[in-house]
Amino acid sequence: MGVLELIAFGLFALTTVGASLGVVLVRDVWHAALMLGIALLSVAVFYVMNQAPFVAAMQVLVYVGGVLILISFAVMLTRRNDPDSDGVAQ
């Protein structure tokens, strides 16, 4: 394993862990869904680093392209627009 591969692995490992923590700790559902997309994309990078491009493509197509879009539609369709609300979830 070369030095550049080790740096890339460390960078994407930190990105995956940070985005995963963001999914759990962020209060806004929309931002949590975006953090989930970042985490799923960085997992796809790990597949590419392990010479599994087909699995990486399926990760992007199925999880990022399918599941994350489904979650995004669910978030957009179920949000309430109260005029007296300040945008903070109670």
PDB file of N, CA and C in Angstrom:
ATOM      1  N   MET A   1       0.855  -1.170   0.000  1.00  0.00           N
ATOM      2  CA  MET A   1       0.000   0.000   0.000  1.00  0.00           C
ATOM      3  C   MET A   1       0.900   1.232   0.000  1.00  0.00           C
ATOM      4  N   GLY A   2       0.691   2.087  -0.974  1.00  0.00           N
ATOM      5  CA  GLY A   2       1.505   3.285  -1.086  1.00  0.00           C
ATOM      6  C   GLY A   2       1.066   4.375  -0.119  1.00  0.00           C
ATOM      7  N   VAL A   3       1.884   5.390  -0.063  1.00  0.00           N
ATOM      8  CA  VAL A   3       1.609   6.500   0.849  1.00  0.00           C
ATOM      9  C   VAL A   3       0.348   7.248   0.422  1.00  0.00           C
ATOM     10  N   LEU A   4       0.174   7.454  -0.882  1.00  0.00           N
ATOM     11  CA  LEU A   4      -1.017   8.163  -1.353  1.00  0.00           C
ATOM     12  C   LEU A   4      -2.298   7.371  -1.083  1.00  0.00           C
ATOM     13  N   GLU A   5      -2.212   6.051  -1.234  1.00  0.00           N
ATOM     14  CA  GLU A   5      -3.380   5.219  -0.938  1.00  0.00           C
ATOM     15  C   GLU A   5      -3.712   5.262   0.553  1.00  0.00           C
ATOM     16  N   LEU A   6      -2.685   5.294   1.383  1.00  0.00           N
ATOM     17  CA  LEU A   6      -2.909   5.375   2.821  1.00  0.00           C
ATOM     18  C   LEU A   6      -3.524   6.724   3.211  1.00  0.00           C
ATOM     19  N   ILE A   7      -3.071   7.795   2.583  1.00  0.00           N
ATOM     20  CA  ILE A   7      -3.646   9.119   2.842  1.00  0.00           C
ATOM     21  C   ILE A   7      -5.096   9.172   2.369  1.00  0.00           C
ATOM     22  N   ALA A   8      -5.370   8.619   1.186  1.00  0.00           N
ATOM     23  CA  ALA A   8      -6.740   8.601   0.666  1.00  0.00           C
ATOM     24  C   ALA A   8      -7.649   7.771   1.560  1.00  0.00           C
ATOM     25  N   PHE A   9      -7.145   6.623   2.034  1.00  0.00           N
ATOM     26  CA  PHE A   9      -7.945   5.792   2.930  1.00  0.00           C
ATOM     27  C   PHE A   9      -8.260   6.544   4.218  1.00  0.00           C
ATOM     28  N   GLY A  10      -7.264   7.194   4.799  1.00  0.00           N
ATOM     29  CA  GLY A  10      -7.495   7.946   6.030  1.00  0.00           C
ATOM     30  C   GLY A  10      -8.471   9.083   5.834  1.00  0.00           C
ATOM     31  N   LEU A  11      -8.351   9.791   4.709  1.00  0.00           N
ATOM     32  CA  LEU A  11      -9.253  10.902   4.418  1.00  0.00           C
ATOM     33  C   LEU A  11     -10.701  10.424   4.277  1.00  0.00           C
ATOM     34  N   PHE A  12     -10.892   9.351   3.509  1.00  0.00           N
ATOM     35  CA  PHE A  12     -12.253   8.858   3.319  1.00  0.00           C
ATOM     36  C   PHE A  12     -12.782   8.133   4.549  1.00  0.00           C
ATOM     37  N   ALA A  13     -11.902   7.568   5.367  1.00  0.00           N
ATOM     38  CA  ALA A  13     -12.351   6.973   6.632  1.00  0.00           C
ATOM     39  C   ALA A  13     -12.866   8.068   7.564  1.00  0.00           C
ATOM     40  N   LEU A  14     -12.149   9.178   7.651  1.00  0.00           N
ATOM     41  CA  LEU A  14     -12.618  10.299   8.464  1.00  0.00           C
ATOM     42  C   LEU A  14     -13.913  10.882   7.913  1.00  0.00           C
ATOM     43  N   THR A  15     -14.018  10.945   6.593  1.00  0.00           N
ATOM     44  CA  THR A  15     -15.246  11.441   5.971  1.00  0.00           C
ATOM     45  C   THR A  15     -16.425  10.529   6.292  1.00  0.00           C
ATOM     46  N   THR A  16     -16.210   9.220   6.212  1.00  0.00           N
ATOM     47  CA  THR A  16     -17.283   8.270   6.500  1.00  0.00           C
ATOM     48  C   THR A  16     -17.722   8.357   7.953  1.00  0.00           C
ATOM     49  N   VAL A  17     -16.767   8.388   8.862  1.00  0.00           N
ATOM     50  CA  VAL A  17     -17.108   8.452  10.282  1.00  0.00           C
ATOM     51  C   VAL A  17     -17.769   9.790  10.615  1.00  0.00           C
ATOM     52  N   GLY A  18     -17.241  10.880  10.069  1.00  0.00           N
ATOM     53  CA  GLY A  18     -17.830  12.195  10.332  1.00  0.00           C
ATOM     54  C   GLY A  18     -19.245  12.320   9.793  1.00  0.00           C
ATOM     55  N   ALA A  19     -19.462  11.827   8.576  1.00  0.00           N
ATOM     56  CA  ALA A  19     -20.799  11.889   7.995  1.00  0.00           C
ATOM     57  C   ALA A  19     -21.765  10.967   8.739  1.00  0.00           C
ATOM     58  N   SER A  20     -21.287   9.817   9.186  1.00  0.00           N
ATOM     59  CA  SER A  20     -22.145   8.908   9.949  1.00  0.00           C
ATOM     60  C   SER A  20     -22.537   9.517  11.285  1.00  0.00           C
ATOM     61  N   LEU A  21     -21.603  10.177  11.935  1.00  0.00           N
ATOM     62  CA  LEU A  21     -21.937  10.887  13.169  1.00  0.00           C
ATOM     63  C   LEU A  21     -22.909  12.033  12.889  1.00  0.00           C
ATOM     64  N   GLY A  22     -22.737  12.683  11.753  1.00  0.00           N
ATOM     65  CA  GLY A  22     -23.651  13.747  11.377  1.00  0.00           C
ATOM     66  C   GLY A  22     -25.068  13.248  11.160  1.00  0.00           C
ATOM     67  N   VAL A  23     -25.210  12.045  10.600  1.00  0.00           N
ATOM     68  CA  VAL A  23     -26.549  11.467  10.401  1.00  0.00           C
ATOM     69  C   VAL A  23     -27.243  11.297  11.741  1.00  0.00           C
ATOM     70  N   VAL A  24     -26.506  10.876  12.744  1.00  0.00           N
ATOM     71  CA  VAL A  24     -27.103  10.599  14.047  1.00  0.00           C
ATOM     72  C   VAL A  24     -27.315  11.880  14.863  1.00  0.00           C
ATOM     73  N   LEU A  25     -26.379  12.827  14.775  1.00  0.00           N
ATOM     74  CA  LEU A  25     -26.395  13.969  15.677  1.00  0.00           C
ATOM     75  C   LEU A  25     -27.092  15.215  15.142  1.00  0.00           C
ATOM     76  N   VAL A  26     -27.270  15.315  13.828  1.00  0.00           N
ATOM     77  CA  VAL A  26     -27.897  16.505  13.250  1.00  0.00           C
ATOM     78  C   VAL A  26     -29.393  16.486  13.558  1.00  0.00           C
ATOM     79  N   ARG A  27     -29.949  17.641  13.903  1.00  0.00           N
ATOM     80  CA  ARG A  27     -31.372  17.704  14.262  1.00  0.00           C
ATOM     81  C   ARG A  27     -32.284  17.804  13.044  1.00  0.00           C
ATOM     82  N   ASP A  28     -31.822  18.404  11.972  1.00  0.00           N
ATOM     83  CA  ASP A  28     -32.649  18.572  10.783  1.00  0.00           C
ATOM     84  C   ASP A  28     -32.620  17.293   9.945  1.00  0.00           C
ATOM     85  N   VAL A  29     -33.794  16.805   9.571  1.00  0.00           N
ATOM     86  CA  VAL A  29     -33.893  15.546   8.831  1.00  0.00           C
ATOM     87  C   VAL A  29     -33.283  15.680   7.433  1.00  0.00           C
ATOM     88  N   TRP A  30     -33.470  16.829   6.814  1.00  0.00           N
ATOM     89  CA  TRP A  30     -32.923  17.042   5.476  1.00  0.00           C
ATOM     90  C   TRP A  30     -31.393  16.993   5.497  1.00  0.00           C
ATOM     91  N   HIS A  31     -30.778  17.626   6.488  1.00  0.00           N
ATOM     92  CA  HIS A  31     -29.320  17.599   6.585  1.00  0.00           C
ATOM     93  C   HIS A  31     -28.814  16.201   6.934  1.00  0.00           C
ATOM     94  N   ALA A  32     -29.587  15.459   7.716  1.00  0.00           N
ATOM     95  CA  ALA A  32     -29.215  14.078   8.017  1.00  0.00           C
ATOM     96  C   ALA A  32     -29.236  13.223   6.754  1.00  0.00           C
ATOM     97  N   ALA A  33     -30.208  13.456   5.886  1.00  0.00           N
ATOM     98  CA  ALA A  33     -30.264  12.702   4.624  1.00  0.00           C
ATOM     99  C   ALA A  33     -29.079  13.050   3.732  1.00  0.00           C
ATOM    100  N   LEU A  34     -28.683  14.313   3.717  1.00  0.00           N
ATOM    101  CA  LEU A  34     -27.510  14.693   2.925  1.00  0.00           C
ATOM    102  C   LEU A  34     -26.229  14.088   3.491  1.00  0.00           C
ATOM    103  N   MET A  35     -26.130  14.032   4.803  1.00  0.00           N
ATOM    104  CA  MET A  35     -24.974  13.387   5.434  1.00  0.00           C
ATOM    105  C   MET A  35     -24.944  11.895   5.116  1.00  0.00           C
ATOM    106  N   LEU A  36     -26.113  11.274   5.052  1.00  0.00           N
ATOM    107  CA  LEU A  36     -26.178   9.866   4.678  1.00  0.00           C
ATOM    108  C   LEU A  36     -25.660   9.659   3.260  1.00  0.00           C
ATOM    109  N   GLY A  37     -25.991  10.582   2.357  1.00  0.00           N
ATOM    110  CA  GLY A  37     -25.474  10.501   0.989  1.00  0.00           C
ATOM    111  C   GLY A  37     -23.959  10.606   0.948  1.00  0.00           C
ATOM    112  N   ILE A  38     -23.394  11.487   1.749  1.00  0.00           N
ATOM    113  CA  ILE A  38     -21.933  11.617   1.803  1.00  0.00           C
ATOM    114  C   ILE A  38     -21.303  10.331   2.333  1.00  0.00           C
ATOM    115  N   ALA A  39     -21.902   9.764   3.374  1.00  0.00           N
ATOM    116  CA  ALA A  39     -21.376   8.519   3.938  1.00  0.00           C
ATOM    117  C   ALA A  39     -21.448   7.378   2.928  1.00  0.00           C
ATOM    118  N   LEU A  40     -22.549   7.283   2.197  1.00  0.00           N
ATOM    119  CA  LEU A  40     -22.686   6.205   1.214  1.00  0.00           C
ATOM    120  C   LEU A  40     -21.725   6.381   0.044  1.00  0.00           C
ATOM    121  N   LEU A  41     -21.504   7.617  -0.366  1.00  0.00           N
ATOM    122  CA  LEU A  41     -20.544   7.847  -1.445  1.00  0.00           C
ATOM    123  C   LEU A  41     -19.118   7.528  -1.014  1.00  0.00           C
ATOM    124  N   SER A  42     -18.780   7.835   0.220  1.00  0.00           N
ATOM    125  CA  SER A  42     -17.419   7.527   0.672  1.00  0.00           C
ATOM    126  C   SER A  42     -17.224   6.025   0.848  1.00  0.00           C
ATOM    127  N   VAL A  43     -18.276   5.285   1.170  1.00  0.00           N
ATOM    128  CA  VAL A  43     -18.168   3.819   1.199  1.00  0.00           C
ATOM    129  C   VAL A  43     -17.933   3.292  -0.213  1.00  0.00           C
ATOM    130  N   ALA A  44     -18.540   3.916  -1.209  1.00  0.00           N
ATOM    131  CA  ALA A  44     -18.298   3.512  -2.601  1.00  0.00           C
ATOM    132  C   ALA A  44     -16.833   3.726  -2.988  1.00  0.00           C
ATOM    133  N   VAL A  45     -16.213   4.753  -2.436  1.00  0.00           N
ATOM    134  CA  VAL A  45     -14.785   4.984  -2.705  1.00  0.00           C
ATOM    135  C   VAL A  45     -13.948   3.841  -2.132  1.00  0.00           C
ATOM    136  N   PHE A  46     -14.346   3.311  -0.976  1.00  0.00           N
ATOM    137  CA  PHE A  46     -13.620   2.163  -0.415  1.00  0.00           C
ATOM    138  C   PHE A  46     -13.693   0.955  -1.341  1.00  0.00           C
ATOM    139  N   TYR A  47     -14.846   0.755  -1.965  1.00  0.00           N
ATOM    140  CA  TYR A  47     -14.966  -0.348  -2.923  1.00  0.00           C
ATOM    141  C   TYR A  47     -14.041  -0.140  -4.118  1.00  0.00           C
ATOM    142  N   VAL A  48     -13.943   1.082  -4.585  1.00  0.00           N
ATOM    143  CA  VAL A  48     -13.034   1.370  -5.708  1.00  0.00           C
ATOM    144  C   VAL A  48     -11.591   1.115  -5.287  1.00  0.00           C
ATOM    145  N   MET A  49     -11.241   1.499  -4.065  1.00  0.00           N
ATOM    146  CA  MET A  49      -9.883   1.272  -3.584  1.00  0.00           C
ATOM    147  C   MET A  49      -9.563  -0.215  -3.451  1.00  0.00           C
ATOM    148  N   ASN A  50     -10.578  -1.054  -3.261  1.00  0.00           N
ATOM    149  CA  ASN A  50     -10.381  -2.501  -3.173  1.00  0.00           C
ATOM    150  C   ASN A  50     -10.581  -3.212  -4.511  1.00  0.00           C
ATOM    151  N   GLN A  51     -10.482  -2.470  -5.602  1.00  0.00           N
ATOM    152  CA  GLN A  51     -10.622  -2.997  -6.968  1.00  0.00           C
ATOM    153  C   GLN A  51     -11.945  -3.730  -7.174  1.00  0.00           C
ATOM    154  N   ALA A  52     -13.034  -3.129  -6.701  1.00  0.00           N
ATOM    155  CA  ALA A  52     -14.369  -3.680  -6.911  1.00  0.00           C
ATOM    156  C   ALA A  52     -15.251  -2.595  -7.529  1.00  0.00           C
ATOM    157  N   PRO A  53     -14.992  -2.237  -8.801  1.00  0.00           N
ATOM    158  CA  PRO A  53     -15.750  -1.121  -9.386  1.00  0.00           C
ATOM    159  C   PRO A  53     -17.228  -1.437  -9.605  1.00  0.00           C
ATOM    160  N   PHE A  54     -17.572  -2.703  -9.851  1.00  0.00           N
ATOM    161  CA  PHE A  54     -18.979  -3.040 -10.041  1.00  0.00           C
ATOM    162  C   PHE A  54     -19.767  -2.846  -8.741  1.00  0.00           C
ATOM    163  N   VAL A  55     -19.187  -3.276  -7.634  1.00  0.00           N
ATOM    164  CA  VAL A  55     -19.857  -3.107  -6.343  1.00  0.00           C
ATOM    165  C   VAL A  55     -19.969  -1.628  -6.009  1.00  0.00           C
ATOM    166  N   ALA A  56     -18.955  -0.850  -6.354  1.00  0.00           N
ATOM    167  CA  ALA A  56     -19.011   0.598  -6.124  1.00  0.00           C
ATOM    168  C   ALA A  56     -20.110   1.237  -6.969  1.00  0.00           C
ATOM    169  N   ALA A  57     -20.230   0.807  -8.215  1.00  0.00           N
ATOM    170  CA  ALA A  57     -21.285   1.349  -9.075  1.00  0.00           C
ATOM    171  C   ALA A  57     -22.666   0.978  -8.547  1.00  0.00           C
ATOM    172  N   MET A  58     -22.812  -0.242  -8.059  1.00  0.00           N
ATOM    173  CA  MET A  58     -24.097  -0.645  -7.489  1.00  0.00           C
ATOM    174  C   MET A  58     -24.385   0.109  -6.192  1.00  0.00           C
ATOM    175  N   GLN A  59     -23.352   0.400  -5.416  1.00  0.00           N
ATOM    176  CA  GLN A  59     -23.524   1.204  -4.201  1.00  0.00           C
ATOM    177  C   GLN A  59     -24.079   2.570  -4.554  1.00  0.00           C
ATOM    178  N   VAL A  60     -23.517   3.184  -5.577  1.00  0.00           N
ATOM    179  CA  VAL A  60     -23.958   4.520  -5.975  1.00  0.00           C
ATOM    180  C   VAL A  60     -25.356   4.461  -6.589  1.00  0.00           C
ATOM    181  N   LEU A  61     -25.583   3.503  -7.477  1.00  0.00           N
ATOM    182  CA  LEU A  61     -26.882   3.433  -8.146  1.00  0.00           C
ATOM    183  C   LEU A  61     -28.015   3.047  -7.201  1.00  0.00           C
ATOM    184  N   VAL A  62     -27.814   2.013  -6.398  1.00  0.00           N
ATOM    185  CA  VAL A  62     -28.897   1.504  -5.562  1.00  0.00           C
ATOM    186  C   VAL A  62     -29.088   2.353  -4.315  1.00  0.00           C
ATOM    187  N   TYR A  63     -28.014   2.574  -3.579  1.00  0.00           N
ATOM    188  CA  TYR A  63     -28.177   3.262  -2.298  1.00  0.00           C
ATOM    189  C   TYR A  63     -28.265   4.774  -2.467  1.00  0.00           C
ATOM    190  N   VAL A  64     -27.315   5.363  -3.149  1.00  0.00           N
ATOM    191  CA  VAL A  64     -27.348   6.816  -3.305  1.00  0.00           C
ATOM    192  C   VAL A  64     -28.444   7.212  -4.285  1.00  0.00           C
ATOM    193  N   GLY A  65     -28.539   6.505  -5.375  1.00  0.00           N
ATOM    194  CA  GLY A  65     -29.522   6.859  -6.393  1.00  0.00           C
ATOM    195  C   GLY A  65     -30.936   6.460  -6.057  1.00  0.00           C
ATOM    196  N   GLY A  66     -31.114   5.385  -5.315  1.00  0.00           N
ATOM    197  CA  GLY A  66     -32.452   4.899  -5.032  1.00  0.00           C
ATOM    198  C   GLY A  66     -32.928   5.221  -3.637  1.00  0.00           C
ATOM    199  N   VAL A  67     -32.240   4.699  -2.660  1.00  0.00           N
ATOM    200  CA  VAL A  67     -32.687   4.836  -1.278  1.00  0.00           C
ATOM    201  C   VAL A  67     -32.628   6.287  -0.825  1.00  0.00           C
ATOM    202  N   LEU A  68     -31.551   6.982  -1.140  1.00  0.00           N
ATOM    203  CA  LEU A  68     -31.425   8.365  -0.691  1.00  0.00           C
ATOM    204  C   LEU A  68     -32.454   9.266  -1.372  1.00  0.00           C
ATOM    205  N   ILE A  69     -32.756   9.027  -2.631  1.00  0.00           N
ATOM    206  CA  ILE A  69     -33.785   9.806  -3.309  1.00  0.00           C
ATOM    207  C   ILE A  69     -35.153   9.510  -2.706  1.00  0.00           C
ATOM    208  N   LEU A  70     -35.417   8.257  -2.345  1.00  0.00           N
ATOM    209  CA  LEU A  70     -36.670   7.906  -1.685  1.00  0.00           C
ATOM    210  C   LEU A  70     -36.794   8.607  -0.335  1.00  0.00           C
ATOM    211  N   ILE A  71     -35.705   8.638   0.432  1.00  0.00           N
ATOM    212  CA  ILE A  71     -35.720   9.345   1.716  1.00  0.00           C
ATOM    213  C   ILE A  71     -35.932  10.838   1.489  1.00  0.00           C
ATOM    214  N   SER A  72     -35.294  11.398   0.483  1.00  0.00           N
ATOM    215  CA  SER A  72     -35.450  12.826   0.200  1.00  0.00           C
ATOM    216  C   SER A  72     -36.891  13.162  -0.167  1.00  0.00           C
ATOM    217  N   PHE A  73     -37.524  12.341  -0.996  1.00  0.00           N
ATOM    218  CA  PHE A  73     -38.926  12.572  -1.336  1.00  0.00           C
ATOM    219  C   PHE A  73     -39.811  12.453  -0.100  1.00  0.00           C
ATOM    220  N   ALA A  74     -39.534  11.472   0.756  1.00  0.00           N
ATOM    221  CA  ALA A  74     -40.332  11.314   1.971  1.00  0.00           C
ATOM    222  C   ALA A  74     -40.179  12.521   2.884  1.00  0.00           C
ATOM    223  N   VAL A  75     -38.980  13.049   2.995  1.00  0.00           N
ATOM    224  CA  VAL A  75     -38.756  14.233   3.832  1.00  0.00           C
ATOM    225  C   VAL A  75     -39.481  15.431   3.244  1.00  0.00           C
ATOM    226  N   MET A  76     -39.386  15.616   1.930  1.00  0.00           N
ATOM    227  CA  MET A  76     -40.033  16.767   1.312  1.00  0.00           C
ATOM    228  C   MET A  76     -41.553  16.679   1.389  1.00  0.00           C
ATOM    229  N   LEU A  77     -42.113  15.479   1.272  1.00  0.00           N
ATOM    230  CA  LEU A  77     -43.560  15.333   1.272  1.00  0.00           C
ATOM    231  C   LEU A  77     -44.166  15.378   2.669  1.00  0.00           C
ATOM    232  N   THR A  78     -43.403  15.097   3.695  1.00  0.00           N
ATOM    233  CA  THR A  78     -43.958  15.053   5.041  1.00  0.00           C
ATOM    234  C   THR A  78     -43.609  16.267   5.887  1.00  0.00           C
ATOM    235  N   ARG A  79     -42.892  17.222   5.361  1.00  0.00           N
ATOM    236  CA  ARG A  79     -42.569  18.423   6.138  1.00  0.00           C
ATOM    237  C   ARG A  79     -43.793  19.321   6.237  1.00  0.00           C
ATOM    238  N   ARG A  80     -43.967  19.915   7.404  1.00  0.00           N
ATOM    239  CA  ARG A  80     -45.066  20.847   7.612  1.00  0.00           C
ATOM    240  C   ARG A  80     -44.572  22.259   7.398  1.00  0.00           C
ATOM    241  N   ASN A  81     -45.435  23.084   6.873  1.00  0.00           N
ATOM    242  CA  ASN A  81     -45.119  24.494   6.672  1.00  0.00           C
ATOM    243  C   ASN A  81     -46.043  25.330   7.545  1.00  0.00           C
ATOM    244  N   ASP A  82     -45.721  25.425   8.821  1.00  0.00           N
ATOM    245  CA  ASP A  82     -46.494  26.250   9.734  1.00  0.00           C
ATOM    246  C   ASP A  82     -46.022  27.688   9.622  1.00  0.00           C
ATOM    247  N   PRO A  83     -46.940  28.628   9.423  1.00  0.00           N
ATOM    248  CA  PRO A  83     -46.509  30.025   9.322  1.00  0.00           C
ATOM    249  C   PRO A  83     -45.938  30.567  10.620  1.00  0.00           C
ATOM    250  N   ASP A  84     -46.380  30.055  11.772  1.00  0.00           N
ATOM    251  CA  ASP A  84     -45.871  30.550  13.031  1.00  0.00           C
ATOM    252  C   ASP A  84     -44.644  29.801  13.515  1.00  0.00           C
ATOM    253  N   SER A  85     -44.206  28.785  12.757  1.00  0.00           N
ATOM    254  CA  SER A  85     -43.037  28.016  13.140  1.00  0.00           C
ATOM    255  C   SER A  85     -41.765  28.751  12.747  1.00  0.00           C
ATOM    256  N   ASP A  86     -40.720  28.599  13.563  1.00  0.00           N
ATOM    257  CA  ASP A  86     -39.440  29.239  13.247  1.00  0.00           C
ATOM    258  C   ASP A  86     -38.479  28.306  12.538  1.00  0.00           C
ATOM    259  N   GLY A  87     -38.947  27.131  12.130  1.00  0.00           N
ATOM    260  CA  GLY A  87     -38.124  26.199  11.391  1.00  0.00           C
ATOM    261  C   GLY A  87     -37.376  25.197  12.237  1.00  0.00           C
ATOM    262  N   VAL A  88     -37.502  25.292  13.555  1.00  0.00           N
ATOM    263  CA  VAL A  88     -36.818  24.376  14.453  1.00  0.00           C
ATOM    264  C   VAL A  88     -37.792  23.282  14.865  1.00  0.00           C
ATOM    265  N   ALA A  89     -37.371  22.040  14.726  1.00  0.00           N
ATOM    266  CA  ALA A  89     -38.224  20.922  15.093  1.00  0.00           C
ATOM    267  C   ALA A  89     -38.379  20.862  16.601  1.00  0.00           C
ATOM    268  N   GLN A  90     -39.593  20.598  17.036  1.00  0.00           N
ATOM    269  CA  GLN A  90     -39.858  20.512  18.483  1.00  0.00           C
ATOM    270  C   GLN A  90     -39.755  19.097  18.957  1.00  0.00           C
TER     271      GLN A  90
END
